Amino acid sequence: MKNPDLNTILVTGGGGYVGSVLVPLLLEAGYQVRVLDLFIYGKQVFDGITAAHRLNLELLEGDLRDETLLRQALSGCDAVIHLACISNDPSFELDPALGRSINYEAFMPLVDIAKDSGVRRFIYASSSSVYGVKEEQNVTEDLPREPLTDYSRFKAMCEDELEKRRAPGFTTLTLRPATVCGWSPRLRLDLSVNILTNHAVNKGKITVFGGAQLRPNFHVRDCAELYVKCLALPAEQIDGKVFNAGYQNLSLNAIAEKVRAIVGPHVEIVHTPTDDNRSYHISSEKILRELGFTPRFTIEDAIRELAEAFGAGKIRDSFTNPLYFNIKRMQEIHLQ
């Protein structure tokens, strides 16, 4: 469903894992879509978009830190969905100065220029990692943020900067997604469910580090549909709000068993000790209660569609192709 008051949407990082699923959904809903991205994973992620929808899609190749380009990208836009970032802790740690410049220092100019350009709605993709490790059984939005890494710390700091800039006529929303999984035109094979499925299908063996740790997961299609829904909702329903967004909270052992159940009983599961004992269970009750959002896709759906894509030959060189791995691709192109 399209919001009749919003027409042109800027998606930063729209060529990424979530963005390449989101952009076609926005076009199908009837929006004009502008994507600002470095496209380091290629523009072929949009090859599946129909010719009719392509007329409403504009691709701007460039750096989020280029304020002249930002002004061009934001001109005439009604809403921003800000996905662009150096994603996850290992990628961030590869070059902390780069991570800071993109994930934090570029954020304030983006929001300020958006406001000056007449943008009326700004949706920020934060992360459930801002909570750190919690002893509580259910991690709700009212618990304190205790980020453990620079990646999650800058996510939390950007949440605060966005709230400072909220004003009448400039609606802001922060979403804290769980770890995303499943098939995307810009596939990532460096996320837990996707990693385990890749190893099960192509090596017949899964290595689980630890196993008892809980991991909250969220299907990439549900994640994309949530952004579309949040554009359609009335401003007063989301303005200044923060929502967790996840679905199944399962242990790594349970995820491995689900992978084996779908891929086949021949898959061997090997356990090895780990000092990474992070375990967390995020609650998505608030987003159900206040926005009526219910995920439609399960971890099993993610495993099944990935297994089918492997079987159909859609995923080649799944252990070596840098396009499937953030760190490998960043190293390959010397991103700076």
C-alpha atoms as a PDB file:
ATOM      1  CA  MET A   1       0.000   0.000   0.000  1.00  0.00           C
ATOM      2  CA  LYS A   2       1.295   3.444  -0.977  1.00  0.00           C
ATOM      3  CA  ASN A   3       1.148   6.520   1.218  1.00  0.00           C
ATOM      4  CA  PRO A   4      -0.635   9.115  -0.953  1.00  0.00           C
ATOM      5  CA  ASP A   5       1.305  11.923   0.754  1.00  0.00           C
ATOM      6  CA  LEU A   6       4.711  10.476  -0.144  1.00  0.00           C
ATOM      7  CA  ASN A   7       5.872  10.003  -3.689  1.00  0.00           C
ATOM      8  CA  THR A   8       9.665   9.972  -4.086  1.00  0.00           C
ATOM      9  CA  ILE A   9      11.706   7.803  -1.735  1.00  0.00           C
ATOM     10  CA  LEU A  10      15.484   7.884  -1.355  1.00  0.00           C
ATOM     11  CA  VAL A  11      16.982   4.562  -0.282  1.00  0.00           C
ATOM     12  CA  THR A  12      20.604   4.897   0.797  1.00  0.00           C
ATOM     13  CA  GLY A  13      22.420   1.596   0.400  1.00  0.00           C
ATOM     14  CA  GLY A  14      19.596   0.391  -1.833  1.00  0.00           C
ATOM     15  CA  GLY A  15      21.926  -1.938  -3.719  1.00  0.00           C
ATOM     16  CA  GLY A  16      22.690  -3.973  -0.610  1.00  0.00           C
ATOM     17  CA  TYR A  17      21.288  -7.125   0.991  1.00  0.00           C
ATOM     18  CA  VAL A  18      18.052  -5.592   2.289  1.00  0.00           C
ATOM     19  CA  GLY A  19      17.880  -2.758  -0.229  1.00  0.00           C
ATOM     20  CA  SER A  20      17.837  -4.991  -3.294  1.00  0.00           C
ATOM     21  CA  VAL A  21      14.737  -6.718  -1.889  1.00  0.00           C
ATOM     22  CA  LEU A  22      13.163  -3.447  -0.704  1.00  0.00           C
ATOM     23  CA  VAL A  23      13.533  -1.372  -3.896  1.00  0.00           C
ATOM     24  CA  PRO A  24      11.348  -3.651  -6.077  1.00  0.00           C
ATOM     25  CA  LEU A  25       8.668  -3.677  -3.345  1.00  0.00           C
ATOM     26  CA  LEU A  26       8.637   0.132  -3.240  1.00  0.00           C
ATOM     27  CA  LEU A  27       8.293   0.274  -7.032  1.00  0.00           C
ATOM     28  CA  GLU A  28       5.451  -2.264  -6.934  1.00  0.00           C
ATOM     29  CA  ALA A  29       3.708  -0.121  -4.312  1.00  0.00           C
ATOM     30  CA  GLY A  30       3.761   2.829  -6.733  1.00  0.00           C
ATOM     31  CA  TYR A  31       6.611   4.976  -5.415  1.00  0.00           C
ATOM     32  CA  GLN A  32       9.266   6.813  -7.386  1.00  0.00           C
ATOM     33  CA  VAL A  33      12.514   5.369  -6.019  1.00  0.00           C
ATOM     34  CA  ARG A  34      15.968   6.905  -5.974  1.00  0.00           C
ATOM     35  CA  VAL A  35      18.893   4.765  -4.835  1.00  0.00           C
ATOM     36  CA  LEU A  36      22.161   6.240  -3.574  1.00  0.00           C
ATOM     37  CA  ASP A  37      24.846   3.579  -3.375  1.00  0.00           C
ATOM     38  CA  LEU A  38      28.453   2.867  -4.261  1.00  0.00           C
ATOM     39  CA  PHE A  39      27.165  -0.329  -5.925  1.00  0.00           C
ATOM     40  CA  ILE A  40      30.266  -2.241  -4.911  1.00  0.00           C
ATOM     41  CA  TYR A  41      28.229  -5.428  -5.304  1.00  0.00           C
ATOM     42  CA  GLY A  42      27.033  -4.442  -8.775  1.00  0.00           C
ATOM     43  CA  LYS A  43      23.908  -2.996 -10.366  1.00  0.00           C
ATOM     44  CA  GLN A  44      22.845  -6.411 -11.637  1.00  0.00           C
ATOM     45  CA  VAL A  45      20.970  -6.774  -8.324  1.00  0.00           C
ATOM     46  CA  PHE A  46      18.144  -4.873 -10.056  1.00  0.00           C
ATOM     47  CA  ASP A  47      18.069  -7.005 -13.211  1.00  0.00           C
ATOM     48  CA  GLY A  48      14.793  -8.598 -12.114  1.00  0.00           C
ATOM     49  CA  ILE A  49      12.899  -5.284 -12.059  1.00  0.00           C
ATOM     50  CA  THR A  50      10.368  -5.001 -14.886  1.00  0.00           C
ATOM     51  CA  ALA A  51      10.777  -2.446 -17.667  1.00  0.00           C
ATOM     52  CA  ALA A  52       7.640  -0.616 -16.509  1.00  0.00           C
ATOM     53  CA  HIS A  53       8.901  -0.283 -12.940  1.00  0.00           C
ATOM     54  CA  ARG A  54      12.387   0.654 -14.116  1.00  0.00           C
ATOM     55  CA  LEU A  55      10.937   3.925 -15.430  1.00  0.00           C
ATOM     56  CA  ASN A  56      10.345   4.953 -11.809  1.00  0.00           C
ATOM     57  CA  LEU A  57      13.829   3.958 -10.608  1.00  0.00           C
ATOM     58  CA  GLU A  58      16.825   6.296 -10.523  1.00  0.00           C
ATOM     59  CA  LEU A  59      20.264   4.983  -9.571  1.00  0.00           C
ATOM     60  CA  LEU A  60      22.825   7.448  -8.224  1.00  0.00           C
ATOM     61  CA  GLU A  61      26.265   5.909  -7.933  1.00  0.00           C
ATOM     62  CA  GLY A  62      28.338   7.686  -5.327  1.00  0.00           C
ATOM     63  CA  ASP A  63      29.479   8.147  -1.770  1.00  0.00           C
ATOM     64  CA  LEU A  64      27.166   9.012   1.087  1.00  0.00           C
ATOM     65  CA  ARG A  65      29.905  11.307   2.416  1.00  0.00           C
ATOM     66  CA  ASP A  66      29.723  13.569  -0.667  1.00  0.00           C
ATOM     67  CA  GLU A  67      27.463  16.400   0.493  1.00  0.00           C
ATOM     68  CA  THR A  68      27.055  17.847  -3.026  1.00  0.00           C
ATOM     69  CA  LEU A  69      25.801  14.470  -4.177  1.00  0.00           C
ATOM     70  CA  LEU A  70      23.562  14.238  -1.095  1.00  0.00           C
ATOM     71  CA  ARG A  71      21.837  17.491  -2.031  1.00  0.00           C
ATOM     72  CA  GLN A  72      21.249  16.156  -5.535  1.00  0.00           C
ATOM     73  CA  ALA A  73      19.971  12.839  -4.197  1.00  0.00           C
ATOM     74  CA  LEU A  74      17.610  14.466  -1.691  1.00  0.00           C
ATOM     75  CA  SER A  75      16.187  17.124  -4.015  1.00  0.00           C
ATOM     76  CA  GLY A  76      12.458  16.513  -4.384  1.00  0.00           C
ATOM     77  CA  CYS A  77      12.410  13.520  -2.044  1.00  0.00           C
ATOM     78  CA  ASP A  78       9.538  13.020   0.384  1.00  0.00           C
ATOM     79  CA  ALA A  79      11.075  10.261   2.512  1.00  0.00           C
ATOM     80  CA  VAL A  80      14.416   8.611   3.249  1.00  0.00           C
ATOM     81  CA  ILE A  81      15.060   4.997   4.202  1.00  0.00           C
ATOM     82  CA  HIS A  82      18.642   5.003   5.458  1.00  0.00           C
ATOM     83  CA  LEU A  83      20.212   1.561   5.084  1.00  0.00           C
ATOM     84  CA  ALA A  84      23.740   2.497   3.983  1.00  0.00           C
ATOM     85  CA  CYS A  85      26.487   1.568   6.422  1.00  0.00           C
ATOM     86  CA  ILE A  86      29.527  -0.593   6.974  1.00  0.00           C
ATOM     87  CA  SER A  87      27.508  -3.540   8.134  1.00  0.00           C
ATOM     88  CA  ASN A  88      28.291  -5.755  11.144  1.00  0.00           C
ATOM     89  CA  ASP A  89      31.200  -5.887  13.586  1.00  0.00           C
ATOM     90  CA  PRO A  90      33.838  -7.750  11.510  1.00  0.00           C
ATOM     91  CA  SER A  91      33.368  -5.432   8.517  1.00  0.00           C
ATOM     92  CA  PHE A  92      33.587  -2.415  10.785  1.00  0.00           C
ATOM     93  CA  GLU A  93      36.736  -3.647  12.501  1.00  0.00           C
ATOM     94  CA  LEU A  94      38.457  -4.070   9.125  1.00  0.00           C
ATOM     95  CA  ASP A  95      38.873  -0.266   9.018  1.00  0.00           C
ATOM     96  CA  PRO A  96      37.445   1.510  12.086  1.00  0.00           C
ATOM     97  CA  ALA A  97      38.130   4.996  10.659  1.00  0.00           C
ATOM     98  CA  LEU A  98      36.191   4.134   7.508  1.00  0.00           C
ATOM     99  CA  GLY A  99      33.357   2.705   9.603  1.00  0.00           C
ATOM    100  CA  ARG A 100      33.159   5.816  11.746  1.00  0.00           C
ATOM    101  CA  SER A 101      33.143   8.146   8.738  1.00  0.00           C
ATOM    102  CA  ILE A 102      30.304   6.298   6.985  1.00  0.00           C
ATOM    103  CA  ASN A 103      28.246   5.019   9.911  1.00  0.00           C
ATOM    104  CA  TYR A 104      28.448   8.098  12.115  1.00  0.00           C
ATOM    105  CA  GLU A 105      30.100  11.199  10.708  1.00  0.00           C
ATOM    106  CA  ALA A 106      28.091  11.102   7.464  1.00  0.00           C
ATOM    107  CA  PHE A 107      24.829  10.652   9.348  1.00  0.00           C
ATOM    108  CA  MET A 108      24.285  14.178  10.682  1.00  0.00           C
ATOM    109  CA  PRO A 109      24.816  15.916   7.312  1.00  0.00           C
ATOM    110  CA  LEU A 110      22.449  13.390   5.723  1.00  0.00           C
ATOM    111  CA  VAL A 111      19.675  14.161   8.200  1.00  0.00           C
ATOM    112  CA  ASP A 112      20.278  17.934   8.096  1.00  0.00           C
ATOM    113  CA  ILE A 113      20.279  18.092   4.299  1.00  0.00           C
ATOM    114  CA  ALA A 114      17.176  15.876   4.241  1.00  0.00           C
ATOM    115  CA  LYS A 115      15.345  18.362   6.494  1.00  0.00           C
ATOM    116  CA  ASP A 116      16.541  21.338   4.439  1.00  0.00           C
ATOM    117  CA  SER A 117      15.396  19.588   1.263  1.00  0.00           C
ATOM    118  CA  GLY A 118      11.836  19.187   2.498  1.00  0.00           C
ATOM    119  CA  VAL A 119      11.962  15.476   3.350  1.00  0.00           C
ATOM    120  CA  ARG A 120       9.027  14.690   5.632  1.00  0.00           C
ATOM    121  CA  ARG A 121       9.826  11.188   6.836  1.00  0.00           C
ATOM    122  CA  PHE A 122      13.169   9.627   7.813  1.00  0.00           C
ATOM    123  CA  ILE A 123      13.407   5.921   8.648  1.00  0.00           C
ATOM    124  CA  TYR A 124      16.689   4.763  10.163  1.00  0.00           C
ATOM    125  CA  ALA A 125      17.959   1.197  10.107  1.00  0.00           C
ATOM    126  CA  SER A 126      19.679   0.780  13.468  1.00  0.00           C
ATOM    127  CA  SER A 127      20.440  -2.654  14.946  1.00  0.00           C
ATOM    128  CA  SER A 128      19.339  -4.881  17.798  1.00  0.00           C
ATOM    129  CA  SER A 129      23.040  -5.117  18.676  1.00  0.00           C
ATOM    130  CA  VAL A 130      22.750  -1.724  20.452  1.00  0.00           C
ATOM    131  CA  TYR A 131      21.523  -3.595  23.546  1.00  0.00           C
ATOM    132  CA  GLY A 132      24.752  -5.518  24.048  1.00  0.00           C
ATOM    133  CA  VAL A 133      24.390  -8.650  26.180  1.00  0.00           C
ATOM    134  CA  LYS A 134      21.379  -8.735  28.466  1.00  0.00           C
ATOM    135  CA  GLU A 135      20.411 -11.100  31.251  1.00  0.00           C
ATOM    136  CA  GLU A 136      16.725 -10.386  30.702  1.00  0.00           C
ATOM    137  CA  GLN A 137      14.856 -13.165  28.948  1.00  0.00           C
ATOM    138  CA  ASN A 138      13.139 -10.696  26.610  1.00  0.00           C
ATOM    139  CA  VAL A 139      15.022  -7.626  25.410  1.00  0.00           C
ATOM    140  CA  THR A 140      12.492  -4.831  25.017  1.00  0.00           C
ATOM    141  CA  GLU A 141      12.914  -1.305  23.695  1.00  0.00           C
ATOM    142  CA  ASP A 142      12.833   0.246  27.171  1.00  0.00           C
ATOM    143  CA  LEU A 143      15.982  -1.568  28.329  1.00  0.00           C
ATOM    144  CA  PRO A 144      19.188   0.477  28.333  1.00  0.00           C
ATOM    145  CA  ARG A 145      21.454   0.323  25.323  1.00  0.00           C
ATOM    146  CA  GLU A 146      24.875  -1.071  26.217  1.00  0.00           C
ATOM    147  CA  PRO A 147      26.682  -1.470  22.890  1.00  0.00           C
ATOM    148  CA  LEU A 148      29.803  -3.611  23.028  1.00  0.00           C
ATOM    149  CA  THR A 149      31.457  -2.602  19.749  1.00  0.00           C
ATOM    150  CA  ASP A 150      32.065   0.546  17.730  1.00  0.00           C
ATOM    151  CA  TYR A 151      29.584  -0.673  15.113  1.00  0.00           C
ATOM    152  CA  SER A 152      26.736  -0.875  17.629  1.00  0.00           C
ATOM    153  CA  ARG A 153      27.916   2.212  19.543  1.00  0.00           C
ATOM    154  CA  PHE A 154      27.686   4.393  16.449  1.00  0.00           C
ATOM    155  CA  LYS A 155      24.272   2.915  15.655  1.00  0.00           C
ATOM    156  CA  ALA A 156      23.106   4.038  19.107  1.00  0.00           C
ATOM    157  CA  MET A 157      24.692   7.473  18.712  1.00  0.00           C
ATOM    158  CA  CYS A 158      22.915   7.980  15.381  1.00  0.00           C
ATOM    159  CA  GLU A 159      19.608   7.113  17.042  1.00  0.00           C
ATOM    160  CA  ASP A 160      20.223   9.986  19.465  1.00  0.00           C
ATOM    161  CA  GLU A 161      21.238  12.396  16.707  1.00  0.00           C
ATOM    162  CA  LEU A 162      18.089  11.583  14.759  1.00  0.00           C
ATOM    163  CA  GLU A 163      15.898  12.220  17.805  1.00  0.00           C
ATOM    164  CA  LYS A 164      17.566  15.622  18.322  1.00  0.00           C
ATOM    165  CA  ARG A 165      16.612  16.588  14.779  1.00  0.00           C
ATOM    166  CA  ARG A 166      13.000  15.446  14.945  1.00  0.00           C
ATOM    167  CA  ALA A 167      10.636  18.370  14.386  1.00  0.00           C
ATOM    168  CA  PRO A 168       7.047  19.078  13.321  1.00  0.00           C
ATOM    169  CA  GLY A 169       6.750  18.009   9.704  1.00  0.00           C
ATOM    170  CA  PHE A 170       9.904  15.877   9.940  1.00  0.00           C
ATOM    171  CA  THR A 171       8.788  12.456  11.142  1.00  0.00           C
ATOM    172  CA  THR A 172      11.508  10.113  12.356  1.00  0.00           C
ATOM    173  CA  LEU A 173      11.465   6.388  13.046  1.00  0.00           C
ATOM    174  CA  THR A 174      14.201   4.050  14.285  1.00  0.00           C
ATOM    175  CA  LEU A 175      14.013   0.314  13.624  1.00  0.00           C
ATOM    176  CA  ARG A 176      16.319  -2.174  15.347  1.00  0.00           C
ATOM    177  CA  PRO A 177      16.287  -5.287  13.152  1.00  0.00           C
ATOM    178  CA  ALA A 178      17.521  -8.675  14.269  1.00  0.00           C
ATOM    179  CA  THR A 179      20.064 -10.584  12.165  1.00  0.00           C
ATOM    180  CA  VAL A 180      18.637 -10.864   8.678  1.00  0.00           C
ATOM    181  CA  CYS A 181      18.562 -14.110   6.696  1.00  0.00           C
ATOM    182  CA  GLY A 182      17.325 -15.538   3.423  1.00  0.00           C
ATOM    183  CA  TRP A 183      17.645 -15.038  -0.321  1.00  0.00           C
ATOM    184  CA  SER A 184      18.358 -11.615  -1.821  1.00  0.00           C
ATOM    185  CA  PRO A 185      19.556 -10.479  -5.265  1.00  0.00           C
ATOM    186  CA  ARG A 186      22.618  -9.146  -3.371  1.00  0.00           C
ATOM    187  CA  LEU A 187      23.152 -12.275  -1.372  1.00  0.00           C
ATOM    188  CA  ARG A 188      25.208 -12.362   1.816  1.00  0.00           C
ATOM    189  CA  LEU A 189      26.767 -15.642   2.895  1.00  0.00           C
ATOM    190  CA  ASP A 190      28.371 -14.165   6.018  1.00  0.00           C
ATOM    191  CA  LEU A 191      25.240 -14.272   8.220  1.00  0.00           C
ATOM    192  CA  SER A 192      24.523 -17.176  10.566  1.00  0.00           C
ATOM    193  CA  VAL A 193      21.547 -18.892   8.891  1.00  0.00           C
ATOM    194  CA  ASN A 194      22.995 -18.328   5.423  1.00  0.00           C
ATOM    195  CA  ILE A 195      26.467 -19.531   6.486  1.00  0.00           C
ATOM    196  CA  LEU A 196      25.133 -22.771   7.932  1.00  0.00           C
ATOM    197  CA  THR A 197      22.983 -23.448   4.869  1.00  0.00           C
ATOM    198  CA  ASN A 198      25.915 -22.851   2.509  1.00  0.00           C
ATOM    199  CA  HIS A 199      28.119 -25.287   4.437  1.00  0.00           C
ATOM    200  CA  ALA A 200      25.365 -27.899   4.698  1.00  0.00           C
ATOM    201  CA  VAL A 201      24.542 -27.840   0.994  1.00  0.00           C
ATOM    202  CA  ASN A 202      28.057 -27.567  -0.375  1.00  0.00           C
ATOM    203  CA  LYS A 203      30.194 -29.390   2.200  1.00  0.00           C
ATOM    204  CA  GLY A 204      27.714 -31.665   3.934  1.00  0.00           C
ATOM    205  CA  LYS A 205      29.082 -30.448   7.236  1.00  0.00           C
ATOM    206  CA  ILE A 206      28.190 -27.661   9.683  1.00  0.00           C
ATOM    207  CA  THR A 207      30.521 -26.364  12.366  1.00  0.00           C
ATOM    208  CA  VAL A 208      28.706 -24.777  15.294  1.00  0.00           C
ATOM    209  CA  PHE A 209      30.771 -22.548  17.563  1.00  0.00           C
ATOM    210  CA  GLY A 210      29.291 -23.050  21.015  1.00  0.00           C
ATOM    211  CA  GLY A 211      25.666 -23.701  20.200  1.00  0.00           C
ATOM    212  CA  ALA A 212      23.544 -22.657  23.157  1.00  0.00           C
ATOM    213  CA  GLN A 213      23.717 -18.952  22.296  1.00  0.00           C
ATOM    214  CA  LEU A 214      20.399 -17.489  21.202  1.00  0.00           C
ATOM    215  CA  ARG A 215      20.290 -15.502  17.993  1.00  0.00           C
ATOM    216  CA  PRO A 216      17.304 -13.384  16.926  1.00  0.00           C
ATOM    217  CA  ASN A 217      16.589 -13.738  13.211  1.00  0.00           C
ATOM    218  CA  PHE A 218      14.463 -11.840  10.705  1.00  0.00           C
ATOM    219  CA  HIS A 219      13.787 -12.852   7.102  1.00  0.00           C
ATOM    220  CA  VAL A 220      15.044 -10.299   4.578  1.00  0.00           C
ATOM    221  CA  ARG A 221      11.658 -10.180   2.844  1.00  0.00           C
ATOM    222  CA  ASP A 222       9.904  -9.378   6.143  1.00  0.00           C
ATOM    223  CA  CYS A 223      12.500  -6.701   6.822  1.00  0.00           C
ATOM    224  CA  ALA A 224      11.857  -5.096   3.435  1.00  0.00           C
ATOM    225  CA  GLU A 225       8.078  -5.324   3.825  1.00  0.00           C
ATOM    226  CA  LEU A 226       8.340  -3.601   7.192  1.00  0.00           C
ATOM    227  CA  TYR A 227       9.963  -0.536   5.622  1.00  0.00           C
ATOM    228  CA  VAL A 228       7.178  -0.350   3.032  1.00  0.00           C
ATOM    229  CA  LYS A 229       4.582  -0.621   5.799  1.00  0.00           C
ATOM    230  CA  CYS A 230       6.241   2.144   7.809  1.00  0.00           C
ATOM    231  CA  LEU A 231       6.034   4.505   4.859  1.00  0.00           C
ATOM    232  CA  ALA A 232       2.295   3.869   4.578  1.00  0.00           C
ATOM    233  CA  LEU A 233       1.463   4.425   8.257  1.00  0.00           C
ATOM    234  CA  PRO A 234       0.211   7.793   9.561  1.00  0.00           C
ATOM    235  CA  ALA A 235       3.008  10.011  10.857  1.00  0.00           C
ATOM    236  CA  GLU A 236       1.566  10.191  14.371  1.00  0.00           C
ATOM    237  CA  GLN A 237       1.751   6.403  14.680  1.00  0.00           C
ATOM    238  CA  ILE A 238       5.519   6.240  14.187  1.00  0.00           C
ATOM    239  CA  ASP A 239       6.961   9.693  14.913  1.00  0.00           C
ATOM    240  CA  GLY A 240       9.880   9.521  17.343  1.00  0.00           C
ATOM    241  CA  LYS A 241       9.288   5.828  17.944  1.00  0.00           C
ATOM    242  CA  VAL A 242      11.820   3.013  18.270  1.00  0.00           C
ATOM    243  CA  PHE A 243      10.913  -0.579  17.475  1.00  0.00           C
ATOM    244  CA  ASN A 244      12.699  -3.905  17.624  1.00  0.00           C
ATOM    245  CA  ALA A 245      12.077  -5.975  14.521  1.00  0.00           C
ATOM    246  CA  GLY A 246      12.664  -9.709  14.620  1.00  0.00           C
ATOM    247  CA  TYR A 247      10.896 -13.034  14.552  1.00  0.00           C
ATOM    248  CA  GLN A 248      12.428 -16.298  15.751  1.00  0.00           C
ATOM    249  CA  ASN A 249      14.924 -16.338  18.605  1.00  0.00           C
ATOM    250  CA  LEU A 250      16.691 -19.685  18.276  1.00  0.00           C
ATOM    251  CA  SER A 251      19.932 -21.164  19.549  1.00  0.00           C
ATOM    252  CA  LEU A 252      22.680 -21.849  17.042  1.00  0.00           C
ATOM    253  CA  ASN A 253      22.146 -25.561  17.765  1.00  0.00           C
ATOM    254  CA  ALA A 254      18.467 -25.278  16.864  1.00  0.00           C
ATOM    255  CA  ILE A 255      19.274 -23.404  13.646  1.00  0.00           C
ATOM    256  CA  ALA A 256      21.793 -26.085  12.680  1.00  0.00           C
ATOM    257  CA  GLU A 257      19.187 -28.808  13.277  1.00  0.00           C
ATOM    258  CA  LYS A 258      16.678 -26.951  11.094  1.00  0.00           C
ATOM    259  CA  VAL A 259      19.274 -26.703   8.336  1.00  0.00           C
ATOM    260  CA  ARG A 260      19.937 -30.447   8.524  1.00  0.00           C
ATOM    261  CA  ALA A 261      16.204 -31.234   8.535  1.00  0.00           C
ATOM    262  CA  ILE A 262      15.789 -29.340   5.252  1.00  0.00           C
ATOM    263  CA  VAL A 263      19.071 -30.057   3.455  1.00  0.00           C
ATOM    264  CA  GLY A 264      19.214 -33.740   4.417  1.00  0.00           C
ATOM    265  CA  PRO A 265      20.092 -36.209   7.189  1.00  0.00           C
ATOM    266  CA  HIS A 266      23.564 -36.710   5.681  1.00  0.00           C
ATOM    267  CA  VAL A 267      24.642 -33.297   6.992  1.00  0.00           C
ATOM    268  CA  GLU A 268      27.143 -33.646   9.839  1.00  0.00           C
ATOM    269  CA  ILE A 269      26.975 -31.169  12.721  1.00  0.00           C
ATOM    270  CA  VAL A 270      30.272 -30.594  14.530  1.00  0.00           C
ATOM    271  CA  HIS A 271      30.533 -28.571  17.732  1.00  0.00           C
ATOM    272  CA  THR A 272      33.565 -26.573  18.751  1.00  0.00           C
ATOM    273  CA  PRO A 273      34.175 -24.375  21.806  1.00  0.00           C
ATOM    274  CA  THR A 274      33.993 -20.605  21.509  1.00  0.00           C
ATOM    275  CA  ASP A 275      34.646 -17.614  23.708  1.00  0.00           C
ATOM    276  CA  ASP A 276      31.848 -15.736  21.936  1.00  0.00           C
ATOM    277  CA  ASN A 277      29.034 -16.398  24.371  1.00  0.00           C
ATOM    278  CA  ARG A 278      26.814 -13.516  23.266  1.00  0.00           C
ATOM    279  CA  SER A 279      23.236 -14.651  23.631  1.00  0.00           C
ATOM    280  CA  TYR A 280      20.177 -12.476  23.315  1.00  0.00           C
ATOM    281  CA  HIS A 281      16.458 -12.706  22.728  1.00  0.00           C
ATOM    282  CA  ILE A 282      14.834  -9.570  21.414  1.00  0.00           C
ATOM    283  CA  SER A 283      11.143  -8.938  21.919  1.00  0.00           C
ATOM    284  CA  SER A 284       9.083  -7.763  18.940  1.00  0.00           C
ATOM    285  CA  GLU A 285       5.857  -7.440  20.910  1.00  0.00           C
ATOM    286  CA  LYS A 286       5.786  -3.638  20.716  1.00  0.00           C
ATOM    287  CA  ILE A 287       5.860  -3.513  16.913  1.00  0.00           C
ATOM    288  CA  LEU A 288       3.015  -6.046  16.784  1.00  0.00           C
ATOM    289  CA  ARG A 289       0.993  -4.142  19.364  1.00  0.00           C
ATOM    290  CA  GLU A 290       1.502  -0.634  18.000  1.00  0.00           C
ATOM    291  CA  LEU A 291       1.981  -1.155  14.272  1.00  0.00           C
ATOM    292  CA  GLY A 292       0.243  -4.479  13.731  1.00  0.00           C
ATOM    293  CA  PHE A 293       3.346  -5.916  12.094  1.00  0.00           C
ATOM    294  CA  THR A 294       3.579  -9.707  11.979  1.00  0.00           C
ATOM    295  CA  PRO A 295       6.438 -11.410  10.087  1.00  0.00           C
ATOM    296  CA  ARG A 296       5.389 -13.892   7.398  1.00  0.00           C
ATOM    297  CA  PHE A 297       8.603 -15.787   6.720  1.00  0.00           C
ATOM    298  CA  THR A 298      10.458 -18.239   8.946  1.00  0.00           C
ATOM    299  CA  ILE A 299      14.049 -19.384   9.288  1.00  0.00           C
ATOM    300  CA  GLU A 300      12.908 -22.587   7.552  1.00  0.00           C
ATOM    301  CA  ASP A 301      11.731 -20.476   4.594  1.00  0.00           C
ATOM    302  CA  ALA A 302      15.165 -18.840   4.431  1.00  0.00           C
ATOM    303  CA  ILE A 303      16.980 -22.194   4.516  1.00  0.00           C
ATOM    304  CA  ARG A 304      14.656 -23.730   1.933  1.00  0.00           C
ATOM    305  CA  GLU A 305      14.952 -20.874  -0.578  1.00  0.00           C
ATOM    306  CA  LEU A 306      18.731 -20.780  -0.245  1.00  0.00           C
ATOM    307  CA  ALA A 307      18.952 -24.542  -0.723  1.00  0.00           C
ATOM    308  CA  GLU A 308      16.762 -24.237  -3.823  1.00  0.00           C
ATOM    309  CA  ALA A 309      18.934 -21.405  -5.185  1.00  0.00           C
ATOM    310  CA  PHE A 310      22.044 -23.545  -4.713  1.00  0.00           C
ATOM    311  CA  GLY A 311      20.305 -26.441  -6.427  1.00  0.00           C
ATOM    312  CA  ALA A 312      19.305 -24.235  -9.362  1.00  0.00           C
ATOM    313  CA  GLY A 313      22.878 -23.034  -9.839  1.00  0.00           C
ATOM    314  CA  LYS A 314      22.041 -19.424  -8.930  1.00  0.00           C
ATOM    315  CA  ILE A 315      24.891 -19.187  -6.412  1.00  0.00           C
ATOM    316  CA  ARG A 316      28.336 -19.897  -7.817  1.00  0.00           C
ATOM    317  CA  ASP A 317      31.657 -20.114  -5.949  1.00  0.00           C
ATOM    318  CA  SER A 318      29.843 -19.711  -2.656  1.00  0.00           C
ATOM    319  CA  PHE A 319      32.983 -19.866  -0.507  1.00  0.00           C
ATOM    320  CA  THR A 320      35.255 -17.691  -2.634  1.00  0.00           C
ATOM    321  CA  ASN A 321      33.177 -15.117  -4.529  1.00  0.00           C
ATOM    322  CA  PRO A 322      33.780 -11.759  -2.771  1.00  0.00           C
ATOM    323  CA  LEU A 323      30.327 -10.509  -3.819  1.00  0.00           C
ATOM    324  CA  TYR A 324      28.797 -12.739  -1.125  1.00  0.00           C
ATOM    325  CA  PHE A 325      31.067 -11.545   1.683  1.00  0.00           C
ATOM    326  CA  ASN A 326      31.264  -7.960   2.918  1.00  0.00           C
ATOM    327  CA  ILE A 327      34.847  -8.165   4.193  1.00  0.00           C
ATOM    328  CA  LYS A 328      36.218  -9.934   1.120  1.00  0.00           C
ATOM    329  CA  ARG A 329      34.646  -7.380  -1.205  1.00  0.00           C
ATOM    330  CA  MET A 330      35.830  -4.397   0.852  1.00  0.00           C
ATOM    331  CA  GLN A 331      39.373  -5.796   0.829  1.00  0.00           C
ATOM    332  CA  GLU A 332      39.220  -6.552  -2.888  1.00  0.00           C
ATOM    333  CA  ILE A 333      38.351  -2.962  -3.871  1.00  0.00           C
ATOM    334  CA  HIS A 334      40.309  -1.282  -1.042  1.00  0.00           C
ATOM    335  CA  LEU A 335      37.246   0.655   0.078  1.00  0.00           C
ATOM    336  CA  GLN A 336      38.221   3.842   1.876  1.00  0.00           C
END
